[in-house]
Amino acid sequence: MKSQVRLLEAVNAAERMARGRLCVLSRSKGGGAFYHLQYRKDTKLHQRYVSRDEAPAYERATESYRRFMELVDAFVDEMSAKAAKEIRKEAKSAKRKAKAAKRANG
């Protein structure tokens, strides 16, 4: 339970998130770059232009989103393992009860 709380606290600590990744669209002759943000949502590819001034903030926001998704995956993995353990325990208990009932009746 403690690790689940830590995961949720880390998720909550994310200040700003943006889905997707920041890509260099092209480079100008002067050495600057043009950026766009691309991501998939509802099976559709979305892209939008990002100005040079906004690029560093979007880079941090997309990294924060990536970290968020890693934390969510870790949380789901932990909860799935816990559920599998409980299900196995319940199945063993039900099997023992069925055997005991069969012996008592048989």
PDB file of N, CA and C in Angstrom:
ATOM      1  N   MET A   1       0.818  -1.195   0.000  1.00  0.00           N
ATOM      2  CA  MET A   1       0.000   0.000   0.000  1.00  0.00           C
ATOM      3  C   MET A   1       0.864   1.262   0.000  1.00  0.00           C
ATOM      4  N   LYS A   2       1.986   1.219   0.710  1.00  0.00           N
ATOM      5  CA  LYS A   2       2.855   2.392   0.776  1.00  0.00           C
ATOM      6  C   LYS A   2       3.413   2.757  -0.594  1.00  0.00           C
ATOM      7  N   SER A   3       3.804   1.742  -1.369  1.00  0.00           N
ATOM      8  CA  SER A   3       4.356   2.032  -2.692  1.00  0.00           C
ATOM      9  C   SER A   3       3.282   2.602  -3.606  1.00  0.00           C
ATOM     10  N   GLN A   4       2.027   2.170  -3.434  1.00  0.00           N
ATOM     11  CA  GLN A   4       0.936   2.723  -4.230  1.00  0.00           C
ATOM     12  C   GLN A   4       0.718   4.194  -3.894  1.00  0.00           C
ATOM     13  N   VAL A   5       0.801   4.527  -2.627  1.00  0.00           N
ATOM     14  CA  VAL A   5       0.650   5.918  -2.201  1.00  0.00           C
ATOM     15  C   VAL A   5       1.790   6.761  -2.770  1.00  0.00           C
ATOM     16  N   ARG A   6       3.023   6.215  -2.726  1.00  0.00           N
ATOM     17  CA  ARG A   6       4.157   6.947  -3.290  1.00  0.00           C
ATOM     18  C   ARG A   6       3.975   7.195  -4.775  1.00  0.00           C
ATOM     19  N   LEU A   7       3.479   6.196  -5.501  1.00  0.00           N
ATOM     20  CA  LEU A   7       3.240   6.360  -6.935  1.00  0.00           C
ATOM     21  C   LEU A   7       2.201   7.445  -7.191  1.00  0.00           C
ATOM     22  N   LEU A   8       1.122   7.421  -6.426  1.00  0.00           N
ATOM     23  CA  LEU A   8       0.082   8.435  -6.611  1.00  0.00           C
ATOM     24  C   LEU A   8       0.572   9.832  -6.245  1.00  0.00           C
ATOM     25  N   GLU A   9       1.411   9.929  -5.221  1.00  0.00           N
ATOM     26  CA  GLU A   9       1.981  11.226  -4.866  1.00  0.00           C
ATOM     27  C   GLU A   9       2.887  11.746  -5.980  1.00  0.00           C
ATOM     28  N   ALA A  10       3.672  10.857  -6.582  1.00  0.00           N
ATOM     29  CA  ALA A  10       4.546  11.262  -7.683  1.00  0.00           C
ATOM     30  C   ALA A  10       3.732  11.713  -8.887  1.00  0.00           C
ATOM     31  N   VAL A  11       2.625  11.030  -9.154  1.00  0.00           N
ATOM     32  CA  VAL A  11       1.741  11.430 -10.252  1.00  0.00           C
ATOM     33  C   VAL A  11       1.181  12.819  -9.967  1.00  0.00           C
ATOM     34  N   ASN A  12       0.767  13.039  -8.744  1.00  0.00           N
ATOM     35  CA  ASN A  12       0.172  14.314  -8.360  1.00  0.00           C
ATOM     36  C   ASN A  12       1.184  15.459  -8.395  1.00  0.00           C
ATOM     37  N   ALA A  13       2.457  15.143  -8.265  1.00  0.00           N
ATOM     38  CA  ALA A  13       3.496  16.173  -8.229  1.00  0.00           C
ATOM     39  C   ALA A  13       3.760  16.790  -9.601  1.00  0.00           C
ATOM     40  N   ALA A  14       3.299  16.144 -10.659  1.00  0.00           N
ATOM     41  CA  ALA A  14       3.536  16.674 -12.005  1.00  0.00           C
ATOM     42  C   ALA A  14       2.843  18.023 -12.136  1.00  0.00           C
ATOM     43  N   GLU A  15       3.620  19.028 -12.456  1.00  0.00           N
ATOM     44  CA  GLU A  15       3.110  20.385 -12.524  1.00  0.00           C
ATOM     45  C   GLU A  15       2.375  20.656 -13.830  1.00  0.00           C
ATOM     46  N   ARG A  16       2.987  20.260 -14.918  1.00  0.00           N
ATOM     47  CA  ARG A  16       2.469  20.568 -16.246  1.00  0.00           C
ATOM     48  C   ARG A  16       2.753  19.389 -17.155  1.00  0.00           C
ATOM     49  N   MET A  17       1.747  18.984 -17.929  1.00  0.00           N
ATOM     50  CA  MET A  17       1.925  17.851 -18.834  1.00  0.00           C
ATOM     51  C   MET A  17       1.365  18.173 -20.206  1.00  0.00           C
ATOM     52  N   ALA A  18       2.018  17.621 -21.210  1.00  0.00           N
ATOM     53  CA  ALA A  18       1.522  17.707 -22.578  1.00  0.00           C
ATOM     54  C   ALA A  18       1.725  16.351 -23.226  1.00  0.00           C
ATOM     55  N   ARG A  19       0.678  15.844 -23.818  1.00  0.00           N
ATOM     56  CA  ARG A  19       0.734  14.548 -24.487  1.00  0.00           C
ATOM     57  C   ARG A  19       1.590  14.667 -25.746  1.00  0.00           C
ATOM     58  N   GLY A  20       2.338  13.628 -26.045  1.00  0.00           N
ATOM     59  CA  GLY A  20       3.064  13.571 -27.306  1.00  0.00           C
ATOM     60  C   GLY A  20       4.547  13.795 -27.172  1.00  0.00           C
ATOM     61  N   ARG A  21       5.116  14.167 -28.323  1.00  0.00           N
ATOM     62  CA  ARG A  21       6.551  14.444 -28.327  1.00  0.00           C
ATOM     63  C   ARG A  21       6.810  15.664 -29.195  1.00  0.00           C
ATOM     64  N   LEU A  22       7.861  16.353 -28.838  1.00  0.00           N
ATOM     65  CA  LEU A  22       8.269  17.549 -29.559  1.00  0.00           C
ATOM     66  C   LEU A  22       9.286  17.142 -30.604  1.00  0.00           C
ATOM     67  N   CYS A  23       9.031  17.507 -31.846  1.00  0.00           N
ATOM     68  CA  CYS A  23       9.907  17.122 -32.950  1.00  0.00           C
ATOM     69  C   CYS A  23      10.409  18.363 -33.668  1.00  0.00           C
ATOM     70  N   VAL A  24      11.610  18.248 -34.208  1.00  0.00           N
ATOM     71  CA  VAL A  24      12.147  19.331 -35.033  1.00  0.00           C
ATOM     72  C   VAL A  24      11.513  19.186 -36.410  1.00  0.00           C
ATOM     73  N   LEU A  25      10.813  20.212 -36.803  1.00  0.00           N
ATOM     74  CA  LEU A  25      10.143  20.199 -38.097  1.00  0.00           C
ATOM     75  C   LEU A  25      11.137  20.481 -39.208  1.00  0.00           C
ATOM     76  N   SER A  26      11.943  21.504 -39.005  1.00  0.00           N
ATOM     77  CA  SER A  26      13.003  21.832 -39.968  1.00  0.00           C
ATOM     78  C   SER A  26      13.979  22.784 -39.296  1.00  0.00           C
ATOM     79  N   ARG A  27      15.089  22.982 -39.937  1.00  0.00           N
ATOM     80  CA  ARG A  27      16.100  23.910 -39.426  1.00  0.00           C
ATOM     81  C   ARG A  27      16.241  25.054 -40.414  1.00  0.00           C
ATOM     82  N   SER A  28      16.370  26.241 -39.869  1.00  0.00           N
ATOM     83  CA  SER A  28      16.538  27.402 -40.741  1.00  0.00           C
ATOM     84  C   SER A  28      18.012  27.567 -41.092  1.00  0.00           C
ATOM     85  N   LYS A  29      18.272  28.362 -42.091  1.00  0.00           N
ATOM     86  CA  LYS A  29      19.657  28.600 -42.505  1.00  0.00           C
ATOM     87  C   LYS A  29      20.447  29.310 -41.415  1.00  0.00           C
ATOM     88  N   GLY A  30      19.759  30.048 -40.572  1.00  0.00           N
ATOM     89  CA  GLY A  30      20.418  30.761 -39.487  1.00  0.00           C
ATOM     90  C   GLY A  30      20.742  29.874 -38.293  1.00  0.00           C
ATOM     91  N   GLY A  31      20.387  28.601 -38.362  1.00  0.00           N
ATOM     92  CA  GLY A  31      20.725  27.687 -37.279  1.00  0.00           C
ATOM     93  C   GLY A  31      19.588  27.418 -36.315  1.00  0.00           C
ATOM     94  N   GLY A  32      18.501  28.178 -36.403  1.00  0.00           N
ATOM     95  CA  GLY A  32      17.366  27.948 -35.519  1.00  0.00           C
ATOM     96  C   GLY A  32      16.542  26.762 -35.998  1.00  0.00           C
ATOM     97  N   ALA A  33      15.677  26.288 -35.157  1.00  0.00           N
ATOM     98  CA  ALA A  33      14.854  25.141 -35.506  1.00  0.00           C
ATOM     99  C   ALA A  33      13.383  25.520 -35.410  1.00  0.00           C
ATOM    100  N   PHE A  34      12.580  24.826 -36.184  1.00  0.00           N
ATOM    101  CA  PHE A  34      11.134  24.953 -36.120  1.00  0.00           C
ATOM    102  C   PHE A  34      10.604  23.645 -35.550  1.00  0.00           C
ATOM    103  N   TYR A  35       9.638  23.728 -34.655  1.00  0.00           N
ATOM    104  CA  TYR A  35       9.170  22.563 -33.920  1.00  0.00           C
ATOM    105  C   TYR A  35       7.688  22.298 -34.159  1.00  0.00           C
ATOM    106  N   HIS A  36       7.313  21.048 -33.946  1.00  0.00           N
ATOM    107  CA  HIS A  36       5.899  20.719 -33.852  1.00  0.00           C
ATOM    108  C   HIS A  36       5.718  19.634 -32.799  1.00  0.00           C
ATOM    109  N   LEU A  37       4.547  19.673 -32.211  1.00  0.00           N
ATOM    110  CA  LEU A  37       4.164  18.703 -31.196  1.00  0.00           C
ATOM    111  C   LEU A  37       3.260  17.689 -31.879  1.00  0.00           C
ATOM    112  N   GLN A  38       3.565  16.422 -31.729  1.00  0.00           N
ATOM    113  CA  GLN A  38       2.707  15.409 -32.335  1.00  0.00           C
ATOM    114  C   GLN A  38       2.327  14.365 -31.298  1.00  0.00           C
ATOM    115  N   TYR A  39       1.072  13.912 -31.407  1.00  0.00           N
ATOM    116  CA  TYR A  39       0.563  12.890 -30.500  1.00  0.00           C
ATOM    117  C   TYR A  39      -0.638  12.206 -31.124  1.00  0.00           C
ATOM    118  N   ARG A  40      -0.936  11.023 -30.609  1.00  0.00           N
ATOM    119  CA  ARG A  40      -2.120  10.286 -31.039  1.00  0.00           C
ATOM    120  C   ARG A  40      -3.167  10.358 -29.944  1.00  0.00           C
ATOM    121  N   LYS A  41      -4.386  10.585 -30.381  1.00  0.00           N
ATOM    122  CA  LYS A  41      -5.514  10.570 -29.461  1.00  0.00           C
ATOM    123  C   LYS A  41      -6.713  10.045 -30.231  1.00  0.00           C
ATOM    124  N   ASP A  42      -7.389   9.071 -29.653  1.00  0.00           N
ATOM    125  CA  ASP A  42      -8.531   8.444 -30.316  1.00  0.00           C
ATOM    126  C   ASP A  42      -8.151   7.949 -31.705  1.00  0.00           C
ATOM    127  N   THR A  43      -7.010   7.328 -31.814  1.00  0.00           N
ATOM    128  CA  THR A  43      -6.441   6.742 -33.042  1.00  0.00           C
ATOM    129  C   THR A  43      -6.112   7.764 -34.121  1.00  0.00           C
ATOM    130  N   LYS A  44      -6.208   9.038 -33.812  1.00  0.00           N
ATOM    131  CA  LYS A  44      -5.887  10.057 -34.810  1.00  0.00           C
ATOM    132  C   LYS A  44      -4.568  10.731 -34.442  1.00  0.00           C
ATOM    133  N   LEU A  45      -3.796  11.049 -35.462  1.00  0.00           N
ATOM    134  CA  LEU A  45      -2.540  11.755 -35.250  1.00  0.00           C
ATOM    135  C   LEU A  45      -2.820  13.252 -35.238  1.00  0.00           C
ATOM    136  N   HIS A  46      -2.386  13.900 -34.191  1.00  0.00           N
ATOM    137  CA  HIS A  46      -2.551  15.348 -34.058  1.00  0.00           C
ATOM    138  C   HIS A  46      -1.169  15.989 -34.112  1.00  0.00           C
ATOM    139  N   GLN A  47      -1.081  17.117 -34.767  1.00  0.00           N
ATOM    140  CA  GLN A  47       0.170  17.870 -34.839  1.00  0.00           C
ATOM    141  C   GLN A  47      -0.160  19.349 -34.709  1.00  0.00           C
ATOM    142  N   ARG A  48       0.735  20.052 -34.068  1.00  0.00           N
ATOM    143  CA  ARG A  48       0.573  21.500 -34.007  1.00  0.00           C
ATOM    144  C   ARG A  48       1.939  22.157 -33.966  1.00  0.00           C
ATOM    145  N   TYR A  49       2.004  23.305 -34.554  1.00  0.00           N
ATOM    146  CA  TYR A  49       3.240  24.079 -34.584  1.00  0.00           C
ATOM    147  C   TYR A  49       3.543  24.592 -33.188  1.00  0.00           C
ATOM    148  N   VAL A  50       4.814  24.591 -32.834  1.00  0.00           N
ATOM    149  CA  VAL A  50       5.270  25.120 -31.546  1.00  0.00           C
ATOM    150  C   VAL A  50       6.366  26.134 -31.840  1.00  0.00           C
ATOM    151  N   SER A  51       6.213  27.316 -31.298  1.00  0.00           N
ATOM    152  CA  SER A  51       7.217  28.349 -31.541  1.00  0.00           C
ATOM    153  C   SER A  51       8.515  28.020 -30.817  1.00  0.00           C
ATOM    154  N   ARG A  52       9.581  28.638 -31.240  1.00  0.00           N
ATOM    155  CA  ARG A  52      10.887  28.417 -30.585  1.00  0.00           C
ATOM    156  C   ARG A  52      10.835  28.803 -29.119  1.00  0.00           C
ATOM    157  N   ASP A  53      10.087  29.856 -28.814  1.00  0.00           N
ATOM    158  CA  ASP A  53       9.986  30.314 -27.428  1.00  0.00           C
ATOM    159  C   ASP A  53       9.260  29.298 -26.544  1.00  0.00           C
ATOM    160  N   GLU A  54       8.295  28.611 -27.127  1.00  0.00           N
ATOM    161  CA  GLU A  54       7.517  27.642 -26.366  1.00  0.00           C
ATOM    162  C   GLU A  54       8.185  26.267 -26.287  1.00  0.00           C
ATOM    163  N   ALA A  55       9.116  25.991 -27.164  1.00  0.00           N
ATOM    164  CA  ALA A  55       9.710  24.653 -27.283  1.00  0.00           C
ATOM    165  C   ALA A  55      10.292  24.109 -25.972  1.00  0.00           C
ATOM    166  N   PRO A  56      11.091  24.879 -25.230  1.00  0.00           N
ATOM    167  CA  PRO A  56      11.642  24.314 -23.974  1.00  0.00           C
ATOM    168  C   PRO A  56      10.554  23.919 -22.966  1.00  0.00           C
ATOM    169  N   ALA A  57       9.505  24.731 -22.862  1.00  0.00           N
ATOM    170  CA  ALA A  57       8.414  24.411 -21.937  1.00  0.00           C
ATOM    171  C   ALA A  57       7.668  23.159 -22.385  1.00  0.00           C
ATOM    172  N   TYR A  58       7.449  23.041 -23.694  1.00  0.00           N
ATOM    173  CA  TYR A  58       6.793  21.837 -24.200  1.00  0.00           C
ATOM    174  C   TYR A  58       7.671  20.607 -24.025  1.00  0.00           C
ATOM    175  N   GLU A  59       8.956  20.771 -24.137  1.00  0.00           N
ATOM    176  CA  GLU A  59       9.854  19.634 -23.928  1.00  0.00           C
ATOM    177  C   GLU A  59       9.746  19.131 -22.495  1.00  0.00           C
ATOM    178  N   ARG A  60       9.719  20.045 -21.535  1.00  0.00           N
ATOM    179  CA  ARG A  60       9.563  19.645 -20.135  1.00  0.00           C
ATOM    180  C   ARG A  60       8.185  19.029 -19.896  1.00  0.00           C
ATOM    181  N   ALA A  61       7.155  19.600 -20.507  1.00  0.00           N
ATOM    182  CA  ALA A  61       5.794  19.103 -20.306  1.00  0.00           C
ATOM    183  C   ALA A  61       5.609  17.709 -20.913  1.00  0.00           C
ATOM    184  N   THR A  62       6.210  17.453 -22.069  1.00  0.00           N
ATOM    185  CA  THR A  62       6.089  16.122 -22.669  1.00  0.00           C
ATOM    186  C   THR A  62       6.890  15.098 -21.873  1.00  0.00           C
ATOM    187  N   GLU A  63       8.008  15.504 -21.323  1.00  0.00           N
ATOM    188  CA  GLU A  63       8.799  14.603 -20.469  1.00  0.00           C
ATOM    189  C   GLU A  63       8.015  14.285 -19.197  1.00  0.00           C
ATOM    190  N   SER A  64       7.328  15.274 -18.652  1.00  0.00           N
ATOM    191  CA  SER A  64       6.502  15.060 -17.472  1.00  0.00           C
ATOM    192  C   SER A  64       5.371  14.080 -17.783  1.00  0.00           C
ATOM    193  N   TYR A  65       4.775  14.195 -18.955  1.00  0.00           N
ATOM    194  CA  TYR A  65       3.719  13.270 -19.363  1.00  0.00           C
ATOM    195  C   TYR A  65       4.274  11.851 -19.524  1.00  0.00           C
ATOM    196  N   ARG A  66       5.452  11.731 -20.122  1.00  0.00           N
ATOM    197  CA  ARG A  66       6.076  10.421 -20.291  1.00  0.00           C
ATOM    198  C   ARG A  66       6.309   9.775 -18.928  1.00  0.00           C
ATOM    199  N   ARG A  67       6.815  10.551 -17.982  1.00  0.00           N
ATOM    200  CA  ARG A  67       7.060  10.049 -16.627  1.00  0.00           C
ATOM    201  C   ARG A  67       5.738   9.665 -15.953  1.00  0.00           C
ATOM    202  N   PHE A  68       4.711  10.462 -16.161  1.00  0.00           N
ATOM    203  CA  PHE A  68       3.383  10.170 -15.628  1.00  0.00           C
ATOM    204  C   PHE A  68       2.898   8.812 -16.129  1.00  0.00           C
ATOM    205  N   MET A  69       3.046   8.565 -17.423  1.00  0.00           N
ATOM    206  CA  MET A  69       2.594   7.299 -17.991  1.00  0.00           C
ATOM    207  C   MET A  69       3.401   6.120 -17.430  1.00  0.00           C
ATOM    208  N   GLU A  70       4.691   6.318 -17.200  1.00  0.00           N
ATOM    209  CA  GLU A  70       5.505   5.270 -16.578  1.00  0.00           C
ATOM    210  C   GLU A  70       4.996   4.956 -15.169  1.00  0.00           C
ATOM    211  N   LEU A  71       4.664   5.995 -14.413  1.00  0.00           N
ATOM    212  CA  LEU A  71       4.158   5.807 -13.056  1.00  0.00           C
ATOM    213  C   LEU A  71       2.805   5.099 -13.067  1.00  0.00           C
ATOM    214  N   VAL A  72       1.948   5.477 -13.993  1.00  0.00           N
ATOM    215  CA  VAL A  72       0.643   4.822 -14.097  1.00  0.00           C
ATOM    216  C   VAL A  72       0.831   3.350 -14.441  1.00  0.00           C
ATOM    217  N   ASP A  73       1.725   3.054 -15.372  1.00  0.00           N
ATOM    218  CA  ASP A  73       2.004   1.659 -15.727  1.00  0.00           C
ATOM    219  C   ASP A  73       2.523   0.884 -14.523  1.00  0.00           C
ATOM    220  N   ALA A  74       3.415   1.495 -13.760  1.00  0.00           N
ATOM    221  CA  ALA A  74       3.956   0.831 -12.570  1.00  0.00           C
ATOM    222  C   ALA A  74       2.844   0.581 -11.552  1.00  0.00           C
ATOM    223  N   PHE A  75       1.959   1.538 -11.387  1.00  0.00           N
ATOM    224  CA  PHE A  75       0.841   1.391 -10.458  1.00  0.00           C
ATOM    225  C   PHE A  75      -0.076   0.249 -10.895  1.00  0.00           C
ATOM    226  N   VAL A  76      -0.408   0.214 -12.192  1.00  0.00           N
ATOM    227  CA  VAL A  76      -1.280  -0.837 -12.710  1.00  0.00           C
ATOM    228  C   VAL A  76      -0.600  -2.201 -12.582  1.00  0.00           C
ATOM    229  N   ASP A  77       0.698  -2.271 -12.859  1.00  0.00           N
ATOM    230  CA  ASP A  77       1.427  -3.532 -12.699  1.00  0.00           C
ATOM    231  C   ASP A  77       1.351  -4.026 -11.253  1.00  0.00           C
ATOM    232  N   GLU A  78       1.542  -3.120 -10.323  1.00  0.00           N
ATOM    233  CA  GLU A  78       1.501  -3.485  -8.906  1.00  0.00           C
ATOM    234  C   GLU A  78       0.105  -3.945  -8.491  1.00  0.00           C
ATOM    235  N   MET A  79      -0.913  -3.232  -8.942  1.00  0.00           N
ATOM    236  CA  MET A  79      -2.285  -3.601  -8.604  1.00  0.00           C
ATOM    237  C   MET A  79      -2.671  -4.928  -9.266  1.00  0.00           C
ATOM    238  N   SER A  80      -2.185  -5.179 -10.476  1.00  0.00           N
ATOM    239  CA  SER A  80      -2.480  -6.439 -11.168  1.00  0.00           C
ATOM    240  C   SER A  80      -1.837  -7.611 -10.440  1.00  0.00           C
ATOM    241  N   ALA A  81      -0.609  -7.432 -10.006  1.00  0.00           N
ATOM    242  CA  ALA A  81       0.074  -8.492  -9.258  1.00  0.00           C
ATOM    243  C   ALA A  81      -0.652  -8.777  -7.945  1.00  0.00           C
ATOM    244  N   LYS A  82      -1.104  -7.724  -7.287  1.00  0.00           N
ATOM    245  CA  LYS A  82      -1.839  -7.885  -6.028  1.00  0.00           C
ATOM    246  C   LYS A  82      -3.154  -8.630  -6.276  1.00  0.00           C
ATOM    247  N   ALA A  83      -3.858  -8.262  -7.348  1.00  0.00           N
ATOM    248  CA  ALA A  83      -5.121  -8.918  -7.676  1.00  0.00           C
ATOM    249  C   ALA A  83      -4.900 -10.390  -8.009  1.00  0.00           C
ATOM    250  N   ALA A  84      -3.859 -10.694  -8.781  1.00  0.00           N
ATOM    251  CA  ALA A  84      -3.571 -12.085  -9.149  1.00  0.00           C
ATOM    252  C   ALA A  84      -3.286 -12.912  -7.899  1.00  0.00           C
ATOM    253  N   LYS A  85      -2.527 -12.347  -6.964  1.00  0.00           N
ATOM    254  CA  LYS A  85      -2.203 -13.053  -5.718  1.00  0.00           C
ATOM    255  C   LYS A  85      -3.479 -13.332  -4.914  1.00  0.00           C
ATOM    256  N   GLU A  86      -4.352 -12.329  -4.818  1.00  0.00           N
ATOM    257  CA  GLU A  86      -5.601 -12.509  -4.076  1.00  0.00           C
ATOM    258  C   GLU A  86      -6.513 -13.529  -4.753  1.00  0.00           C
ATOM    259  N   ILE A  87      -6.560 -13.518  -6.079  1.00  0.00           N
ATOM    260  CA  ILE A  87      -7.401 -14.459  -6.820  1.00  0.00           C
ATOM    261  C   ILE A  87      -6.899 -15.884  -6.615  1.00  0.00           C
ATOM    262  N   ARG A  88      -5.580 -16.078  -6.686  1.00  0.00           N
ATOM    263  CA  ARG A  88      -5.017 -17.417  -6.437  1.00  0.00           C
ATOM    264  C   ARG A  88      -5.351 -17.888  -5.027  1.00  0.00           C
ATOM    265  N   LYS A  89      -5.238 -16.987  -4.060  1.00  0.00           N
ATOM    266  CA  LYS A  89      -5.530 -17.327  -2.667  1.00  0.00           C
ATOM    267  C   LYS A  89      -7.001 -17.726  -2.509  1.00  0.00           C
ATOM    268  N   GLU A  90      -7.892 -16.964  -3.133  1.00  0.00           N
ATOM    269  CA  GLU A  90      -9.321 -17.287  -3.063  1.00  0.00           C
ATOM    270  C   GLU A  90      -9.619 -18.627  -3.732  1.00  0.00           C
ATOM    271  N   ALA A  91      -8.981 -18.897  -4.862  1.00  0.00           N
ATOM    272  CA  ALA A  91      -9.210 -20.158  -5.577  1.00  0.00           C
ATOM    273  C   ALA A  91      -8.738 -21.342  -4.740  1.00  0.00           C
ATOM    274  N   LYS A  92      -7.581 -21.223  -4.095  1.00  0.00           N
ATOM    275  CA  LYS A  92      -7.083 -22.293  -3.234  1.00  0.00           C
ATOM    276  C   LYS A  92      -8.033 -22.526  -2.060  1.00  0.00           C
ATOM    277  N   SER A  93      -8.519 -21.458  -1.481  1.00  0.00           N
ATOM    278  CA  SER A  93      -9.437 -21.562  -0.353  1.00  0.00           C
ATOM    279  C   SER A  93     -10.737 -22.246  -0.777  1.00  0.00           C
ATOM    280  N   ALA A  94     -11.254 -21.865  -1.932  1.00  0.00           N
ATOM    281  CA  ALA A  94     -12.492 -22.489  -2.427  1.00  0.00           C
ATOM    282  C   ALA A  94     -12.271 -23.966  -2.715  1.00  0.00           C
ATOM    283  N   LYS A  95     -11.099 -24.311  -3.251  1.00  0.00           N
ATOM    284  CA  LYS A  95     -10.784 -25.704  -3.550  1.00  0.00           C
ATOM    285  C   LYS A  95     -10.712 -26.523  -2.257  1.00  0.00           C
ATOM    286  N   ARG A  96     -10.078 -25.958  -1.224  1.00  0.00           N
ATOM    287  CA  ARG A  96      -9.985 -26.651   0.071  1.00  0.00           C
ATOM    288  C   ARG A  96     -11.371 -26.864   0.676  1.00  0.00           C
ATOM    289  N   LYS A  97     -12.214 -25.854   0.587  1.00  0.00           N
ATOM    290  CA  LYS A  97     -13.573 -25.971   1.131  1.00  0.00           C
ATOM    291  C   LYS A  97     -14.368 -27.028   0.388  1.00  0.00           C
ATOM    292  N   ALA A  98     -14.189 -27.082  -0.924  1.00  0.00           N
ATOM    293  CA  ALA A  98     -14.906 -28.080  -1.728  1.00  0.00           C
ATOM    294  C   ALA A  98     -14.451 -29.486  -1.349  1.00  0.00           C
ATOM    295  N   LYS A  99     -13.139 -29.666  -1.153  1.00  0.00           N
ATOM    296  CA  LYS A  99     -12.619 -30.979  -0.741  1.00  0.00           C
ATOM    297  C   LYS A  99     -13.142 -31.359   0.635  1.00  0.00           C
ATOM    298  N   ALA A 100     -13.154 -30.404   1.543  1.00  0.00           N
ATOM    299  CA  ALA A 100     -13.631 -30.675   2.910  1.00  0.00           C
ATOM    300  C   ALA A 100     -15.117 -31.049   2.899  1.00  0.00           C
ATOM    301  N   ALA A 101     -15.901 -30.362   2.078  1.00  0.00           N
ATOM    302  CA  ALA A 101     -17.323 -30.660   1.975  1.00  0.00           C
ATOM    303  C   ALA A 101     -17.551 -32.042   1.368  1.00  0.00           C
ATOM    304  N   LYS A 102     -16.726 -32.400   0.392  1.00  0.00           N
ATOM    305  CA  LYS A 102     -16.836 -33.708  -0.254  1.00  0.00           C
ATOM    306  C   LYS A 102     -16.515 -34.817   0.748  1.00  0.00           C
ATOM    307  N   ARG A 103     -15.486 -34.616   1.576  1.00  0.00           N
ATOM    308  CA  ARG A 103     -15.121 -35.618   2.592  1.00  0.00           C
ATOM    309  C   ARG A 103     -16.226 -35.763   3.635  1.00  0.00           C
ATOM    310  N   ALA A 104     -16.810 -34.620   4.037  1.00  0.00           N
ATOM    311  CA  ALA A 104     -17.857 -34.646   5.058  1.00  0.00           C
ATOM    312  C   ALA A 104     -19.117 -35.342   4.551  1.00  0.00           C
ATOM    313  N   ASN A 105     -19.420 -35.185   3.270  1.00  0.00           N
ATOM    314  CA  ASN A 105     -20.610 -35.805   2.694  1.00  0.00           C
ATOM    315  C   ASN A 105     -20.362 -37.222   2.191  1.00  0.00           C
ATOM    316  N   GLY A 106     -19.119 -37.528   1.920  1.00  0.00           N
ATOM    317  CA  GLY A 106     -18.804 -38.807   1.281  1.00  0.00           C
ATOM    318  C   GLY A 106     -18.370 -39.853   2.188  1.00  0.00           C
TER     319      GLY A 106
END
